[in-house]
Amino acid sequence: MTELTHIGLDVHKDTIAVAVLRPGTTEVDERVIPNTPEAVRRLLRHHDDPASLRVCYEAGPTGYDTHRLVTSLDIACDVIAPSLIPRRSGSRVKTDRIDARNLARLHRAGELTSVRVPTSAEEAVRL
């Protein structure tokens, strides 16, 4: 079986916090990139085999453009339901990097529930 690299994205209007969890490690590589298609392509281009990547991000007000971009690169991408992300009780610190790190770790553990992404036509009707 192929070892998978999990990438958690915390997407905002101007920036994306990125957490990369490589196979066989618990250490997370973190960075912040601009929220542009070029920056996302550059990030994902560093990985040789797109089939070994799994990307996830939390559904939010930025829509599904990130999902469409990532899947156009032949990389699996899940959009996660925010209300179904497990949270530790008593944990009040919430930053973009922590959110991205948690997404990558929980995604690798199979603890996240994804939502169905509407087609562009379905989304246009909704607006």
C-alpha atoms as a PDB file:
ATOM      1  CA  MET A   1       0.000   0.000   0.000  1.00  0.00           C
ATOM      2  CA  THR A   2       1.179   3.487  -0.810  1.00  0.00           C
ATOM      3  CA  GLU A   3       2.204   5.717   2.040  1.00  0.00           C
ATOM      4  CA  LEU A   4       0.074   8.860   2.008  1.00  0.00           C
ATOM      5  CA  THR A   5       1.022  12.434   2.776  1.00  0.00           C
ATOM      6  CA  HIS A   6      -1.826  14.363   4.425  1.00  0.00           C
ATOM      7  CA  ILE A   7      -2.096  18.118   3.992  1.00  0.00           C
ATOM      8  CA  GLY A   8      -4.419  20.211   6.163  1.00  0.00           C
ATOM      9  CA  LEU A   9      -5.349  23.686   4.940  1.00  0.00           C
ATOM     10  CA  ASP A  10      -6.895  26.468   6.979  1.00  0.00           C
ATOM     11  CA  VAL A  11      -8.215  28.662   4.177  1.00  0.00           C
ATOM     12  CA  HIS A  12      -8.933  32.363   4.603  1.00  0.00           C
ATOM     13  CA  LYS A  13      -9.538  35.210   2.158  1.00  0.00           C
ATOM     14  CA  ASP A  14      -5.893  36.331   1.943  1.00  0.00           C
ATOM     15  CA  THR A  15      -3.824  33.446   3.349  1.00  0.00           C
ATOM     16  CA  ILE A  16      -3.782  29.682   3.785  1.00  0.00           C
ATOM     17  CA  ALA A  17      -2.135  28.024   6.790  1.00  0.00           C
ATOM     18  CA  VAL A  18      -0.655  24.720   5.608  1.00  0.00           C
ATOM     19  CA  ALA A  19       0.254  21.647   7.673  1.00  0.00           C
ATOM     20  CA  VAL A  20       1.988  18.744   5.906  1.00  0.00           C
ATOM     21  CA  LEU A  21       2.035  15.382   7.681  1.00  0.00           C
ATOM     22  CA  ARG A  22       4.403  12.984   5.936  1.00  0.00           C
ATOM     23  CA  PRO A  23       4.072   9.206   6.179  1.00  0.00           C
ATOM     24  CA  GLY A  24       5.591   7.543   9.224  1.00  0.00           C
ATOM     25  CA  THR A  25       6.087  10.768  11.173  1.00  0.00           C
ATOM     26  CA  THR A  26       4.229  12.761  13.779  1.00  0.00           C
ATOM     27  CA  GLU A  27       6.119  15.961  12.974  1.00  0.00           C
ATOM     28  CA  VAL A  28       4.106  18.486  10.979  1.00  0.00           C
ATOM     29  CA  ASP A  29       5.697  20.898   8.503  1.00  0.00           C
ATOM     30  CA  GLU A  30       3.875  24.223   8.789  1.00  0.00           C
ATOM     31  CA  ARG A  31       3.841  27.342   6.671  1.00  0.00           C
ATOM     32  CA  VAL A  32       1.548  30.127   5.523  1.00  0.00           C
ATOM     33  CA  ILE A  33       1.029  30.827   1.834  1.00  0.00           C
ATOM     34  CA  PRO A  34      -1.012  33.460   0.004  1.00  0.00           C
ATOM     35  CA  ASN A  35      -4.501  32.383  -1.060  1.00  0.00           C
ATOM     36  CA  THR A  36      -3.797  32.400  -4.789  1.00  0.00           C
ATOM     37  CA  PRO A  37      -4.057  29.575  -7.327  1.00  0.00           C
ATOM     38  CA  GLU A  38      -0.355  29.954  -8.177  1.00  0.00           C
ATOM     39  CA  ALA A  39       0.706  29.540  -4.536  1.00  0.00           C
ATOM     40  CA  VAL A  40      -1.456  26.429  -4.103  1.00  0.00           C
ATOM     41  CA  ARG A  41      -0.087  24.918  -7.324  1.00  0.00           C
ATOM     42  CA  ARG A  42       3.489  25.647  -6.181  1.00  0.00           C
ATOM     43  CA  LEU A  43       2.804  23.999  -2.821  1.00  0.00           C
ATOM     44  CA  LEU A  44       1.380  20.833  -4.355  1.00  0.00           C
ATOM     45  CA  ARG A  45       3.902  20.642  -7.203  1.00  0.00           C
ATOM     46  CA  HIS A  46       6.689  19.863  -4.698  1.00  0.00           C
ATOM     47  CA  HIS A  47       5.249  16.374  -4.259  1.00  0.00           C
ATOM     48  CA  ASP A  48       6.249  13.851  -6.931  1.00  0.00           C
ATOM     49  CA  ASP A  49       3.207  11.580  -6.899  1.00  0.00           C
ATOM     50  CA  PRO A  50      -0.229  13.283  -6.743  1.00  0.00           C
ATOM     51  CA  ALA A  51      -1.847   9.920  -5.985  1.00  0.00           C
ATOM     52  CA  SER A  52       0.003   9.787  -2.656  1.00  0.00           C
ATOM     53  CA  LEU A  53      -1.428  13.137  -1.474  1.00  0.00           C
ATOM     54  CA  ARG A  54      -4.607  13.692   0.531  1.00  0.00           C
ATOM     55  CA  VAL A  55      -5.670  17.304   1.082  1.00  0.00           C
ATOM     56  CA  CYS A  56      -8.431  18.549   3.350  1.00  0.00           C
ATOM     57  CA  TYR A  57      -9.783  21.897   4.482  1.00  0.00           C
ATOM     58  CA  GLU A  58     -12.669  23.149   6.554  1.00  0.00           C
ATOM     59  CA  ALA A  59     -15.798  24.313   4.740  1.00  0.00           C
ATOM     60  CA  GLY A  60     -16.321  28.022   5.170  1.00  0.00           C
ATOM     61  CA  PRO A  61     -17.124  31.346   3.581  1.00  0.00           C
ATOM     62  CA  THR A  62     -14.366  31.028   0.955  1.00  0.00           C
ATOM     63  CA  GLY A  63     -16.460  28.520  -0.988  1.00  0.00           C
ATOM     64  CA  TYR A  64     -15.257  25.542  -2.967  1.00  0.00           C
ATOM     65  CA  ASP A  65     -12.706  27.155  -5.285  1.00  0.00           C
ATOM     66  CA  THR A  66      -9.822  25.553  -3.381  1.00  0.00           C
ATOM     67  CA  HIS A  67     -11.416  22.113  -3.783  1.00  0.00           C
ATOM     68  CA  ARG A  68     -11.886  22.626  -7.515  1.00  0.00           C
ATOM     69  CA  LEU A  69      -8.296  23.807  -7.920  1.00  0.00           C
ATOM     70  CA  VAL A  70      -6.795  20.876  -5.989  1.00  0.00           C
ATOM     71  CA  THR A  71      -8.916  18.256  -7.744  1.00  0.00           C
ATOM     72  CA  SER A  72      -8.023  19.779 -11.138  1.00  0.00           C
ATOM     73  CA  LEU A  73      -4.432  18.788 -10.284  1.00  0.00           C
ATOM     74  CA  ASP A  74      -5.578  15.146  -9.836  1.00  0.00           C
ATOM     75  CA  ILE A  75      -5.131  15.296  -6.061  1.00  0.00           C
ATOM     76  CA  ALA A  76      -7.762  13.957  -3.667  1.00  0.00           C
ATOM     77  CA  CYS A  77      -9.335  16.752  -1.623  1.00  0.00           C
ATOM     78  CA  ASP A  78     -11.967  16.572   1.102  1.00  0.00           C
ATOM     79  CA  VAL A  79     -13.985  19.515   2.376  1.00  0.00           C
ATOM     80  CA  ILE A  80     -14.660  18.928   6.068  1.00  0.00           C
ATOM     81  CA  ALA A  81     -17.837  19.790   7.944  1.00  0.00           C
ATOM     82  CA  PRO A  82     -16.738  22.263  10.658  1.00  0.00           C
ATOM     83  CA  SER A  83     -19.377  21.197  13.153  1.00  0.00           C
ATOM     84  CA  LEU A  84     -18.184  17.583  13.004  1.00  0.00           C
ATOM     85  CA  ILE A  85     -14.496  18.199  13.744  1.00  0.00           C
ATOM     86  CA  PRO A  86     -13.622  16.595  17.083  1.00  0.00           C
ATOM     87  CA  ARG A  87     -12.489  19.165  19.661  1.00  0.00           C
ATOM     88  CA  ARG A  88     -10.718  18.564  22.949  1.00  0.00           C
ATOM     89  CA  SER A  89     -12.680  19.715  25.919  1.00  0.00           C
ATOM     90  CA  GLY A  90     -11.122  22.713  27.592  1.00  0.00           C
ATOM     91  CA  SER A  91      -9.022  23.617  24.557  1.00  0.00           C
ATOM     92  CA  ARG A  92      -9.599  27.327  23.960  1.00  0.00           C
ATOM     93  CA  VAL A  93      -6.534  28.266  21.958  1.00  0.00           C
ATOM     94  CA  LYS A  94      -7.465  28.456  18.283  1.00  0.00           C
ATOM     95  CA  THR A  95      -5.052  29.674  15.651  1.00  0.00           C
ATOM     96  CA  ASP A  96      -4.820  29.066  11.923  1.00  0.00           C
ATOM     97  CA  ARG A  97      -1.713  26.898  12.290  1.00  0.00           C
ATOM     98  CA  ILE A  98      -3.270  24.805  15.060  1.00  0.00           C
ATOM     99  CA  ASP A  99      -6.404  24.316  12.945  1.00  0.00           C
ATOM    100  CA  ALA A 100      -4.344  23.195   9.916  1.00  0.00           C
ATOM    101  CA  ARG A 101      -2.276  20.836  12.087  1.00  0.00           C
ATOM    102  CA  ASN A 102      -5.406  19.292  13.634  1.00  0.00           C
ATOM    103  CA  LEU A 103      -7.000  18.842  10.214  1.00  0.00           C
ATOM    104  CA  ALA A 104      -3.944  16.973   8.881  1.00  0.00           C
ATOM    105  CA  ARG A 105      -3.699  14.704  11.934  1.00  0.00           C
ATOM    106  CA  LEU A 106      -7.425  13.953  12.180  1.00  0.00           C
ATOM    107  CA  HIS A 107      -7.651  13.359   8.444  1.00  0.00           C
ATOM    108  CA  ARG A 108      -4.850  10.794   8.613  1.00  0.00           C
ATOM    109  CA  ALA A 109      -6.645   9.108  11.536  1.00  0.00           C
ATOM    110  CA  GLY A 110      -9.901   8.950   9.555  1.00  0.00           C
ATOM    111  CA  GLU A 111     -11.767  11.010  12.155  1.00  0.00           C
ATOM    112  CA  LEU A 112     -13.222  13.660   9.834  1.00  0.00           C
ATOM    113  CA  THR A 113     -16.537  13.833   7.992  1.00  0.00           C
ATOM    114  CA  SER A 114     -16.490  15.415   4.563  1.00  0.00           C
ATOM    115  CA  VAL A 115     -19.297  17.277   2.836  1.00  0.00           C
ATOM    116  CA  ARG A 116     -20.477  16.865  -0.734  1.00  0.00           C
ATOM    117  CA  VAL A 117     -19.090  19.605  -2.930  1.00  0.00           C
ATOM    118  CA  PRO A 118     -21.676  21.080  -5.306  1.00  0.00           C
ATOM    119  CA  THR A 119     -20.856  21.471  -8.969  1.00  0.00           C
ATOM    120  CA  SER A 120     -20.192  24.955 -10.273  1.00  0.00           C
ATOM    121  CA  ALA A 121     -23.677  25.005 -11.824  1.00  0.00           C
ATOM    122  CA  GLU A 122     -25.333  23.965  -8.549  1.00  0.00           C
ATOM    123  CA  GLU A 123     -23.417  26.622  -6.665  1.00  0.00           C
ATOM    124  CA  ALA A 124     -24.372  29.296  -9.228  1.00  0.00           C
ATOM    125  CA  VAL A 125     -28.068  28.508  -8.736  1.00  0.00           C
ATOM    126  CA  ARG A 126     -27.697  28.847  -4.979  1.00  0.00           C
ATOM    127  CA  LEU A 127     -26.183  32.329  -5.264  1.00  0.00           C
END
